[in-house]
Protein backbone atom coordinates (compact mmCIF):
# COMPACT_ATOMS: atom_id res chain seq x y z
CA MET A 1 21.79 57.28 -40.27
CA LYS A 2 24.89 55.20 -41.12
CA ASP A 3 26.34 52.05 -39.71
CA ARG A 4 29.98 51.65 -38.66
CA SER A 5 31.13 50.99 -42.20
CA GLY A 6 29.47 54.18 -43.49
CA ARG A 7 26.54 52.47 -45.20
CA VAL A 8 23.24 54.40 -45.03
CA VAL A 9 20.75 52.31 -43.07
CA GLY A 10 17.95 54.80 -42.40
CA ALA A 11 17.06 58.38 -41.41
CA VAL A 12 15.51 60.30 -38.53
CA ASN A 13 13.58 63.53 -38.86
CA VAL A 14 12.49 65.80 -36.01
CA PHE A 15 9.48 68.06 -36.48
CA ARG A 16 8.94 71.01 -34.14
CA GLU A 17 5.40 72.09 -33.45
CA LYS A 18 4.16 75.35 -34.97
CA PRO A 19 0.80 77.01 -34.51
CA GLU A 20 -0.29 75.34 -37.73
CA PRO A 21 -0.73 72.49 -38.32
CA HIS A 22 -2.03 71.25 -34.97
CA ALA A 23 0.11 69.29 -32.57
CA GLY A 24 0.69 65.70 -33.61
CA GLN A 25 0.01 66.50 -37.27
CA LEU A 26 2.56 66.61 -40.10
CA ARG A 27 1.87 67.92 -43.59
CA LEU A 28 3.50 65.95 -46.39
CA ASN A 29 3.04 67.11 -49.94
CA GLY A 30 0.00 69.06 -48.84
CA HIS A 31 -1.68 66.08 -47.16
CA GLY A 32 -2.04 65.73 -43.37
CA ARG A 33 -1.05 62.43 -41.78
CA ASN A 34 -0.69 61.41 -38.15
CA SER A 35 3.04 61.15 -37.25
CA ASP A 36 2.47 57.96 -35.21
CA GLU A 37 1.11 56.21 -38.30
CA LEU A 38 4.20 57.28 -40.23
CA LEU A 39 6.61 56.00 -37.60
CA HIS A 40 4.71 52.73 -37.29
CA ALA A 41 5.15 52.21 -41.03
CA LEU A 42 8.95 52.49 -40.82
CA PRO A 43 10.85 49.16 -41.10
CA THR A 44 13.47 50.40 -38.63
CA ALA A 45 12.90 50.30 -34.87
CA VAL A 46 12.09 53.82 -33.57
CA TYR A 47 10.93 54.94 -30.15
CA THR A 48 10.76 58.12 -28.08
CA THR A 49 11.02 59.03 -24.41
CA ASP A 50 10.29 62.04 -22.28
CA ALA A 51 13.03 64.02 -20.57
CA ALA A 52 13.06 61.55 -17.65
CA GLY A 53 13.59 58.61 -19.99
CA HIS A 54 10.08 57.10 -19.84
CA ILE A 55 9.08 55.54 -23.15
CA THR A 56 6.30 57.56 -24.79
CA PHE A 57 6.15 55.84 -28.16
CA TYR A 58 7.53 52.86 -30.06
CA ASN A 59 6.74 51.46 -33.46
CA ALA A 60 6.06 47.85 -34.50
CA ALA A 61 9.63 47.31 -35.65
CA ALA A 62 10.89 48.24 -32.16
CA ALA A 63 8.46 45.80 -30.53
CA ASP A 64 9.65 43.04 -32.89
CA LEU A 65 13.29 43.77 -32.07
CA TRP A 66 12.65 43.73 -28.31
CA GLY A 67 10.26 40.77 -28.42
CA VAL A 68 8.08 42.59 -25.91
CA ARG A 69 5.69 45.56 -25.81
CA PRO A 70 6.71 47.82 -22.91
CA GLU A 71 4.15 49.87 -21.02
CA LEU A 72 4.20 53.51 -22.14
CA GLY A 73 5.08 56.03 -19.47
CA LYS A 74 6.61 53.39 -17.15
CA SER A 75 9.40 51.55 -18.99
CA GLU A 76 12.63 53.53 -18.94
CA PHE A 77 15.27 54.23 -21.59
CA CYS A 78 14.80 51.05 -23.63
CA GLY A 79 12.02 48.50 -24.08
CA SER A 80 14.21 45.38 -24.28
CA TRP A 81 13.91 42.63 -21.68
CA LYS A 82 17.65 42.65 -20.93
CA MET A 83 20.67 44.27 -22.53
CA TYR A 84 24.33 43.37 -22.87
CA TRP A 85 27.47 44.95 -24.20
CA PRO A 86 28.99 43.31 -27.31
CA ASP A 87 31.43 41.37 -25.08
CA GLY A 88 28.48 39.77 -23.24
CA THR A 89 28.66 41.72 -19.97
CA PRO A 90 25.28 42.99 -18.69
CA LEU A 91 24.25 46.51 -19.67
CA PRO A 92 21.93 48.25 -17.17
CA HIS A 93 19.09 50.20 -18.75
CA ASP A 94 20.18 53.44 -17.10
CA GLU A 95 23.60 53.13 -18.79
CA CYS A 96 22.29 52.39 -22.28
CA PRO A 97 22.89 54.78 -25.24
CA MET A 98 19.47 56.46 -24.79
CA ALA A 99 20.17 57.14 -21.09
CA LEU A 100 23.57 58.57 -22.04
CA ALA A 101 22.03 60.87 -24.70
CA LEU A 102 19.49 62.24 -22.18
CA LYS A 103 22.09 62.64 -19.46
CA GLU A 104 24.66 64.40 -21.65
CA LYS A 105 22.06 66.14 -23.87
CA ARG A 106 23.88 65.17 -27.07
CA PRO A 107 23.38 62.68 -29.86
CA ILE A 108 25.11 59.32 -29.43
CA ARG A 109 26.20 57.66 -32.63
CA GLY A 110 27.17 54.09 -33.42
CA MET A 111 27.17 52.46 -29.98
CA GLU A 112 26.57 48.73 -30.24
CA ALA A 113 24.62 46.64 -27.75
CA ILE A 114 22.67 43.38 -27.58
CA ALA A 115 18.99 43.10 -26.68
CA GLU A 116 17.74 39.88 -25.12
CA ARG A 117 14.13 38.89 -25.71
CA PRO A 118 12.04 37.10 -23.08
CA ASP A 119 12.46 33.84 -25.05
CA GLY A 120 16.24 34.09 -24.65
CA THR A 121 17.17 35.02 -28.21
CA ARG A 122 19.57 37.92 -28.58
CA VAL A 123 19.58 40.66 -31.19
CA PRO A 124 22.69 42.80 -31.75
CA PHE A 125 21.90 46.40 -32.68
CA ILE A 126 23.38 49.88 -33.14
CA ALA A 127 21.63 52.77 -31.37
CA TYR A 128 21.34 56.33 -32.69
CA PRO A 129 19.63 58.34 -29.87
CA SER A 130 19.17 62.11 -30.27
CA PRO A 131 17.85 64.47 -27.56
CA LEU A 132 14.84 66.72 -28.40
CA PHE A 133 14.55 70.32 -27.27
CA ASN A 134 11.68 72.79 -27.36
CA ALA A 135 11.80 76.28 -28.86
CA SER A 136 13.34 77.66 -25.67
CA GLY A 137 16.07 75.02 -25.71
CA ALA A 138 14.75 72.95 -22.82
CA LEU A 139 15.14 69.13 -23.04
CA ILE A 140 11.75 67.56 -23.69
CA GLY A 141 12.77 64.00 -24.56
CA ALA A 142 14.68 61.97 -27.11
CA VAL A 143 14.18 59.82 -30.17
CA ASN A 144 16.15 56.66 -30.77
CA THR A 145 16.61 54.50 -33.83
CA LEU A 146 17.79 50.90 -33.35
CA VAL A 147 19.42 49.24 -36.35
CA ASP A 148 19.30 45.44 -36.24
CA ILE A 149 22.78 44.21 -37.22
CA THR A 150 22.09 40.49 -36.82
CA GLU A 151 23.05 39.74 -40.41
CA ARG A 152 26.25 41.75 -40.15
CA TYR A 153 26.99 40.22 -36.76
CA GLU A 154 26.50 36.69 -38.14
CA ALA A 155 28.62 37.54 -41.19
CA GLU A 156 31.39 38.86 -38.94
CA GLN A 157 31.10 35.73 -36.81
CA ARG A 158 31.44 33.56 -39.90
CA ILE A 159 34.46 35.60 -40.95
CA ARG A 160 36.01 35.21 -37.49
CA GLU A 161 35.38 31.47 -37.54
CA SER A 162 36.78 31.24 -41.06
CA GLU A 163 39.83 33.24 -40.05
CA ALA A 164 40.30 30.96 -37.04
CA ARG A 165 40.14 27.91 -39.30
CA TYR A 166 42.61 29.48 -41.70
CA ARG A 167 44.91 30.33 -38.79
CA ASP A 168 44.71 26.72 -37.61
CA ILE A 169 45.43 25.46 -41.12
CA ALA A 170 48.27 27.98 -41.49
CA ALA A 171 49.71 26.86 -38.15
CA ILE A 172 49.55 23.21 -39.24
CA VAL A 173 51.21 24.05 -42.57
CA GLU A 174 53.87 26.17 -40.91
CA SER A 175 54.74 23.51 -38.32
CA SER A 176 54.64 20.62 -40.80
CA ASP A 177 57.81 18.61 -41.30
CA ASP A 178 56.87 18.39 -44.97
CA ALA A 179 57.83 21.15 -47.37
CA VAL A 180 54.68 23.09 -48.34
CA LEU A 181 54.84 25.84 -50.96
CA THR A 182 52.62 27.48 -53.54
CA LYS A 183 53.35 28.82 -56.99
CA ASP A 184 51.44 30.67 -59.68
CA LEU A 185 50.70 29.32 -63.15
CA ASN A 186 54.03 30.69 -64.39
CA GLY A 187 55.89 28.50 -61.87
CA VAL A 188 56.85 31.44 -59.60
CA ILE A 189 56.97 30.63 -55.87
CA THR A 190 54.37 32.58 -53.85
CA SER A 191 54.58 31.01 -50.37
CA TRP A 192 57.08 28.91 -48.41
CA ASN A 193 56.79 27.19 -45.02
CA HIS A 194 59.46 26.29 -42.46
CA GLY A 195 59.43 22.66 -43.59
CA ALA A 196 60.46 23.80 -47.08
CA GLY A 197 63.27 25.83 -45.52
CA ARG A 198 64.52 22.81 -43.60
CA LEU A 199 64.30 20.49 -46.60
CA PHE A 200 65.77 22.76 -49.28
CA GLY A 201 67.94 25.14 -47.22
CA TYR A 202 66.40 28.40 -48.49
CA ALA A 203 64.76 31.05 -46.31
CA ALA A 204 61.36 32.28 -47.53
CA GLU A 205 62.71 35.68 -48.61
CA GLU A 206 65.30 33.94 -50.78
CA VAL A 207 62.79 32.04 -52.92
CA ILE A 208 59.43 33.85 -52.92
CA GLY A 209 59.10 35.56 -56.29
CA LYS A 210 61.61 33.23 -57.95
CA PRO A 211 60.93 30.36 -60.35
CA VAL A 212 60.41 26.96 -58.76
CA THR A 213 63.00 25.55 -61.17
CA ILE A 214 65.73 26.67 -58.73
CA LEU A 215 64.74 23.51 -56.81
CA ILE A 216 64.86 21.21 -59.83
CA PRO A 217 68.12 19.64 -61.11
CA ALA A 218 68.95 20.78 -64.65
CA GLU A 219 68.40 17.32 -66.10
CA LEU A 220 64.82 17.27 -64.72
CA HIS A 221 63.68 20.75 -65.84
CA ASP A 222 61.31 19.18 -68.37
CA GLU A 223 59.15 17.96 -65.46
CA GLU A 224 57.87 21.45 -64.60
CA PRO A 225 56.02 22.26 -67.88
CA THR A 226 54.28 18.87 -67.66
CA ILE A 227 53.21 19.50 -64.06
CA LEU A 228 51.91 23.01 -64.86
CA ALA A 229 49.97 21.71 -67.86
CA ARG A 230 48.21 19.14 -65.68
CA ILE A 231 47.44 21.77 -63.02
CA ARG A 232 45.87 24.07 -65.65
CA ARG A 233 43.60 21.16 -66.58
CA GLY A 234 42.54 20.90 -62.94
CA GLU A 235 44.36 17.62 -62.32
CA ARG A 236 45.96 16.61 -59.03
CA ILE A 237 49.33 14.85 -58.92
CA ASP A 238 49.63 12.35 -56.06
CA HIS A 239 52.87 11.03 -54.54
CA TYR A 240 55.08 11.54 -57.55
CA GLU A 241 58.60 10.43 -56.60
CA THR A 242 61.42 12.50 -58.05
CA THR A 243 64.61 14.31 -57.09
CA ARG A 244 65.04 17.95 -56.13
CA GLN A 245 68.05 20.16 -55.44
CA ARG A 246 68.95 21.95 -52.21
CA LYS A 247 70.54 25.36 -51.85
CA ASP A 248 73.98 23.78 -51.32
CA GLY A 249 73.67 21.87 -54.60
CA SER A 250 73.03 18.47 -53.02
CA THR A 251 70.02 16.45 -54.14
CA VAL A 252 67.22 14.92 -52.11
CA ASP A 253 64.72 12.20 -52.99
CA ILE A 254 61.15 13.41 -52.47
CA SER A 255 57.55 12.31 -52.85
CA LEU A 256 55.66 15.20 -54.45
CA THR A 257 51.93 15.99 -54.28
CA VAL A 258 50.65 18.91 -56.38
CA SER A 259 47.09 20.33 -56.25
CA PRO A 260 45.41 23.21 -58.12
CA VAL A 261 44.71 26.44 -56.19
CA ARG A 262 41.49 28.28 -57.12
CA ASN A 263 40.29 31.82 -56.44
CA LEU A 264 36.81 32.79 -55.15
CA GLN A 265 35.43 32.51 -58.67
CA GLY A 266 36.68 28.94 -58.96
CA GLU A 267 39.39 29.81 -61.46
CA ILE A 268 42.72 27.98 -61.21
CA VAL A 269 45.37 30.55 -60.31
CA GLY A 270 48.24 28.40 -59.12
CA ALA A 271 49.29 25.21 -57.38
CA SER A 272 50.17 24.00 -53.90
CA LYS A 273 53.01 21.52 -53.55
CA ILE A 274 53.81 19.19 -50.69
CA ALA A 275 57.25 17.60 -50.81
CA ARG A 276 58.21 14.81 -48.40
CA ASP A 277 61.78 13.66 -47.95
CA VAL A 278 61.88 9.92 -48.78
CA THR A 279 65.65 9.55 -48.52
CA GLU A 280 65.41 7.47 -45.35
CA ARG A 281 62.67 5.31 -46.83
CA ARG A 282 64.70 4.63 -49.96
CA ARG A 283 67.74 3.91 -47.81
CA ALA A 284 65.65 1.48 -45.77
CA GLU A 285 64.44 -0.20 -48.95
CA GLU A 286 68.02 -0.48 -50.15
CA GLN A 287 69.00 -1.92 -46.77
CA GLN A 288 66.15 -4.40 -47.02
CA ARG A 289 67.32 -5.51 -50.45
CA LEU A 290 70.84 -5.84 -49.07
CA LEU A 291 69.61 -7.95 -46.15
CA LEU A 292 67.60 -10.24 -48.41
CA ARG A 293 70.61 -10.73 -50.64
CA GLU A 294 72.76 -11.25 -47.58
CA MET A 295 70.36 -13.93 -46.34
CA ASP A 296 70.51 -15.74 -49.65
CA HIS A 297 74.28 -15.38 -49.70
CA ARG A 298 74.68 -16.64 -46.13
CA ILE A 299 72.57 -19.72 -46.73
CA LYS A 300 74.73 -20.63 -49.69
CA ASN A 301 77.89 -19.93 -47.70
CA LEU A 302 76.75 -21.99 -44.73
CA PHE A 303 76.27 -25.04 -46.91
CA ALA A 304 79.63 -24.43 -48.58
CA LEU A 305 81.37 -23.87 -45.24
CA ALA A 306 79.77 -26.94 -43.69
CA SER A 307 81.03 -28.98 -46.62
CA GLY A 308 84.47 -27.38 -46.30
CA VAL A 309 84.62 -28.06 -42.56
CA VAL A 310 83.81 -31.73 -43.14
CA ALA A 311 86.38 -32.04 -45.91
CA LEU A 312 89.06 -30.18 -43.91
CA SER A 313 88.41 -32.26 -40.82
CA ALA A 314 88.32 -35.52 -42.78
CA GLY A 315 91.79 -34.90 -44.14
CA MET A 316 93.26 -34.83 -40.63
CA ALA A 317 91.07 -37.25 -38.69
CA THR A 318 92.28 -40.81 -38.24
CA THR A 319 89.09 -42.22 -36.74
CA PRO A 320 85.37 -41.53 -37.15
CA GLU A 321 85.29 -40.23 -33.58
CA GLU A 322 88.02 -37.68 -34.32
CA LEU A 323 86.16 -36.59 -37.46
CA SER A 324 82.88 -36.23 -35.56
CA SER A 325 84.51 -34.22 -32.77
CA ALA A 326 86.36 -31.92 -35.14
CA VAL A 327 83.25 -31.26 -37.26
CA ARG A 328 81.10 -30.53 -34.18
CA ARG A 329 83.74 -28.21 -32.73
CA ARG A 330 84.16 -26.24 -35.94
CA LEU A 331 80.44 -25.98 -36.66
CA ALA A 332 79.83 -24.73 -33.10
CA ALA A 333 82.52 -22.06 -33.57
CA LEU A 334 80.94 -21.14 -36.88
CA ALA A 335 77.56 -20.70 -35.14
CA ARG A 336 79.13 -18.41 -32.49
CA ALA A 337 80.71 -16.26 -35.18
CA HIS A 338 77.41 -16.10 -37.06
CA ALA A 339 75.59 -14.97 -33.89
CA LEU A 340 77.88 -11.94 -33.61
CA THR A 341 76.35 -10.46 -36.73
CA LEU A 342 72.83 -10.37 -35.25
CA PRO A 343 71.63 -7.51 -33.00
CA VAL A 344 69.78 -8.38 -29.79
CA THR A 345 66.16 -7.29 -29.35
CA SER A 346 65.06 -6.29 -25.85
CA GLU A 347 61.66 -7.10 -24.33
CA GLY A 348 60.48 -3.61 -25.30
CA GLY A 349 61.34 -4.25 -28.93
CA ARG A 350 64.45 -2.04 -28.87
CA ARG A 351 67.45 -3.23 -30.90
CA ILE A 352 70.58 -3.57 -28.75
CA GLU A 353 73.76 -3.78 -30.76
CA PRO A 354 76.50 -6.11 -29.43
CA SER A 355 79.73 -4.60 -28.08
CA THR A 356 83.27 -6.01 -28.36
CA THR A 357 86.83 -5.17 -29.39
CA LEU A 358 88.05 -5.63 -32.94
CA HIS A 359 90.62 -8.29 -31.98
CA ALA A 360 88.02 -10.31 -30.06
CA LEU A 361 85.66 -10.06 -33.00
CA ILE A 362 88.35 -11.28 -35.43
CA GLN A 363 89.20 -14.21 -33.17
CA THR A 364 85.54 -15.26 -32.90
CA ILE A 365 84.91 -14.95 -36.62
CA LEU A 366 88.01 -17.04 -37.47
CA LEU A 367 87.55 -19.57 -34.67
CA PRO A 368 86.00 -22.23 -36.99
CA TYR A 369 89.24 -22.25 -39.01
CA GLY A 370 91.49 -22.65 -35.96
CA ASP A 371 94.96 -24.16 -35.65
CA GLN A 372 95.52 -27.58 -37.10
CA PRO A 373 96.54 -30.44 -34.77
CA GLY A 374 100.31 -30.95 -34.84
CA SER A 375 100.96 -27.58 -36.47
CA HIS A 376 103.61 -25.33 -34.89
CA LYS A 377 102.36 -22.18 -36.63
CA ALA A 378 99.11 -20.39 -35.83
CA ARG A 379 96.72 -20.23 -38.77
CA VAL A 380 95.68 -16.69 -37.84
CA THR A 381 97.86 -14.04 -36.18
CA ILE A 382 96.61 -10.64 -35.04
CA SER A 383 99.02 -7.79 -34.28
CA GLY A 384 98.92 -4.08 -33.60
CA PRO A 385 96.62 -1.89 -31.46
CA ASP A 386 93.14 -3.07 -30.53
CA ILE A 387 90.05 -0.84 -30.54
CA GLN A 388 86.67 -0.94 -28.80
CA LEU A 389 84.08 -0.90 -31.57
CA ALA A 390 81.06 1.40 -31.39
CA GLY A 391 77.96 -0.74 -30.66
CA GLY A 392 76.29 -0.20 -34.01
CA LEU A 393 79.43 -1.19 -35.92
CA VAL A 394 79.97 -4.67 -34.45
CA THR A 395 77.51 -6.10 -36.96
CA THR A 396 79.12 -4.14 -39.79
CA PHE A 397 82.62 -5.44 -39.05
CA ALA A 398 81.36 -8.95 -38.31
CA LEU A 399 79.72 -9.13 -41.73
CA LEU A 400 82.83 -7.80 -43.43
CA LEU A 401 85.26 -10.12 -41.61
CA HIS A 402 82.92 -13.05 -42.09
CA GLU A 403 83.00 -12.32 -45.83
CA PHE A 404 86.83 -12.22 -45.83
CA ALA A 405 86.98 -15.50 -43.87
CA THR A 406 84.39 -17.21 -46.09
CA ASN A 407 86.34 -16.36 -49.24
CA ALA A 408 89.59 -17.47 -47.63
CA ALA A 409 88.00 -20.79 -46.62
CA LYS A 410 86.58 -21.33 -50.11
CA TYR A 411 89.43 -20.19 -52.31
CA GLY A 412 92.28 -18.76 -50.24
CA ALA A 413 94.65 -19.49 -47.38
CA LEU A 414 92.07 -21.26 -45.21
CA SER A 415 91.18 -23.73 -47.94
CA THR A 416 94.47 -25.66 -47.41
CA PRO A 417 96.01 -27.09 -44.21
CA ALA A 418 99.23 -25.10 -44.68
CA GLY A 419 97.60 -21.73 -45.25
CA HIS A 420 97.59 -18.90 -42.69
CA ILE A 421 96.47 -15.28 -42.37
CA ASP A 422 98.33 -12.32 -40.84
CA ILE A 423 96.08 -9.47 -39.67
CA ALA A 424 97.92 -6.25 -38.75
CA CYS A 425 96.25 -3.22 -37.15
CA SER A 426 97.77 0.28 -37.02
CA GLU A 427 96.89 3.87 -36.16
CA SER A 428 98.22 7.07 -37.74
CA ASP A 429 96.97 10.68 -38.03
CA GLY A 430 93.53 9.87 -36.64
CA ARG A 431 92.98 6.88 -38.94
CA PHE A 432 92.76 3.20 -38.14
CA ALA A 433 94.04 0.68 -40.68
CA LEU A 434 93.70 -3.10 -40.97
CA THR A 435 95.77 -5.24 -43.34
CA TRP A 436 94.60 -8.79 -44.09
CA GLN A 437 97.38 -10.86 -45.74
CA GLU A 438 96.94 -14.49 -46.82
CA ARG A 439 99.80 -16.93 -47.37
CA GLY A 440 100.14 -20.62 -48.14
CA GLY A 441 96.91 -20.97 -50.07
CA PRO A 442 96.42 -21.84 -53.74
CA ARG A 443 98.49 -19.73 -56.07
CA ILE A 444 96.56 -16.76 -57.49
CA ASP A 445 97.22 -16.10 -61.16
CA SER A 446 95.07 -12.92 -61.44
CA HIS A 447 92.48 -10.89 -59.55
CA SER A 448 89.78 -12.33 -61.79
CA ASP A 449 90.09 -15.57 -59.82
CA SER A 450 86.86 -16.60 -58.10
CA HIS A 451 88.47 -15.52 -54.82
CA SER A 452 87.77 -11.96 -55.83
CA ASP A 453 84.11 -12.30 -54.94
CA SER A 454 82.40 -15.23 -53.30
CA ASP A 455 79.07 -14.49 -54.94
CA SER A 456 80.21 -15.70 -58.33
CA ASP A 457 76.71 -16.67 -59.44
CA SER A 458 75.47 -13.09 -59.29
CA ASP A 459 74.17 -11.47 -62.44
CA SER A 460 75.82 -8.16 -61.61
CA GLU A 461 78.36 -7.23 -58.96
CA GLY A 462 79.03 -9.88 -56.34
CA PHE A 463 77.77 -9.70 -52.79
CA GLY A 464 81.26 -9.27 -51.36
CA THR A 465 81.96 -6.24 -53.55
CA MET A 466 78.57 -4.74 -52.77
CA LEU A 467 79.00 -5.39 -49.04
CA ALA A 468 82.43 -3.73 -49.04
CA ARG A 469 81.06 -0.68 -50.81
CA ALA A 470 77.98 -0.42 -48.59
CA THR A 471 79.93 -0.78 -45.34
CA VAL A 472 83.40 0.66 -45.84
CA LYS A 473 82.77 3.37 -48.41
CA GLU A 474 79.17 4.44 -47.77
CA GLN A 475 78.65 3.76 -44.07
CA LEU A 476 82.16 4.25 -42.66
CA ARG A 477 83.36 6.74 -45.30
CA GLY A 478 86.56 4.71 -45.49
CA GLU A 479 88.72 3.07 -48.14
CA ILE A 480 89.26 -0.57 -49.06
CA SER A 481 91.54 -2.17 -51.65
CA ARG A 482 92.49 -5.69 -52.70
CA ASP A 483 95.85 -6.78 -54.08
CA TRP A 484 95.95 -10.28 -55.62
CA LYS A 485 99.56 -11.37 -55.14
CA PRO A 486 100.56 -14.83 -56.41
CA GLN A 487 101.34 -15.91 -52.86
CA GLY A 488 98.00 -14.71 -51.52
CA LEU A 489 95.41 -11.94 -51.30
CA ILE A 490 96.15 -8.70 -49.43
CA ILE A 491 93.19 -6.55 -48.27
CA ARG A 492 93.81 -3.05 -46.92
CA LEU A 493 91.09 -1.21 -45.04
CA SER A 494 91.39 2.34 -43.69
CA VAL A 495 88.78 4.46 -41.80
CA ALA A 496 88.74 7.50 -39.52
CA LYS A 497 89.18 6.24 -35.96
CA ASP A 498 86.46 8.46 -34.53
CA ARG A 499 83.91 6.82 -36.85
CA ILE A 500 84.40 3.33 -35.42
CA ALA A 501 85.67 3.75 -31.87
CA ALA A 502 83.21 3.45 -28.98
């Protein structure tokens, strides 16, 4: 008798009665032994029925499997308390494998069922019933062997549960935003999830079977042998920040975690890698550094501007009252201009960027340096087309214009009563341009004058230069240039209109 996988689990032998030996006696190796004693000694559950299906014999193993000792000649087809199909639906006794073998007068092989004992425990088994015929071919009963498959059933259940866990893990890996891939000890990619495809731009079929170095910039190729050496030693690499290369050749900043992969024998056969894009985090850190430097720069500027406002107002005031009024007016305008650079936070914590036109923003920023009493010429003139700024860019332009105005008030046209600034706006071929031209200020001998960058105490590049690069070139993808003419500074700024317009 074999189970479903073909493994031999037992045997059944049918003896037909002959005149000698007597009925109920078998002769083995010349020695007579009662057949019931032989069947009782078998470790496999065996029982017999008559042609009507009444149980006529069962051995101890059958009673153990059923958990009950049925009454001979009365119990039908099977001695179990209750029976079920493998899917858990009830199985009536008169539809069990033994009943089917008697009804169809043929052996039934490999049908699975579940026997329930009176105490509620269930035993899965495979039945092998065979009908018995007399010498004339008439059905006289059947013999059935029940193979307990509890161990196999439990093993299959463990496999199913393990497969379910692996499917869950695979689903998590596949849906992860992080790039998850595996490689062998030669650095060849063996698996690739969707997150890796999104991060690096390759489809799985493009990279599986190829060396992982296709993701590493040429100048960092020496990292891979070091990583593989540590993996072979069983080490784990946690949150290693580096740079990797996408399919299009661009680079991406990542945090890399690498762990050894072992086979069933515990041998290290490869590595799993989790790569997380940290570009936004690094950009946020850079923005934080910029804001801290901006804060330091603004504090210094506010003191300098306050001093300049007092000095400028003192030169034109004739009485203490006029001086006080002029200083208060200019400091209040300076506060309004400063407020434009700060986003508003709603009650829900959401940042709401201010909205305004470029001309209105320029006027507010330059309001503290307004027209001088008795002067017939405006200190600041604005010409050309206006534009409604996109909400998120009001702060950007306010910071930039505030920097221009601060420098002009410290070193340029706004540092003298006769100085003035002409600001001209223009549009052409989808681009918006702004020209800032100063006149009437101190003569500029070269661009190395301190006017070139108000953060002259910086150890590296000044804040103004850094701010211009961060806003115009990196954020707006535009262009900015400075031309230090003897009569005054000229700043030219050009950006695509669709990048700044609301």
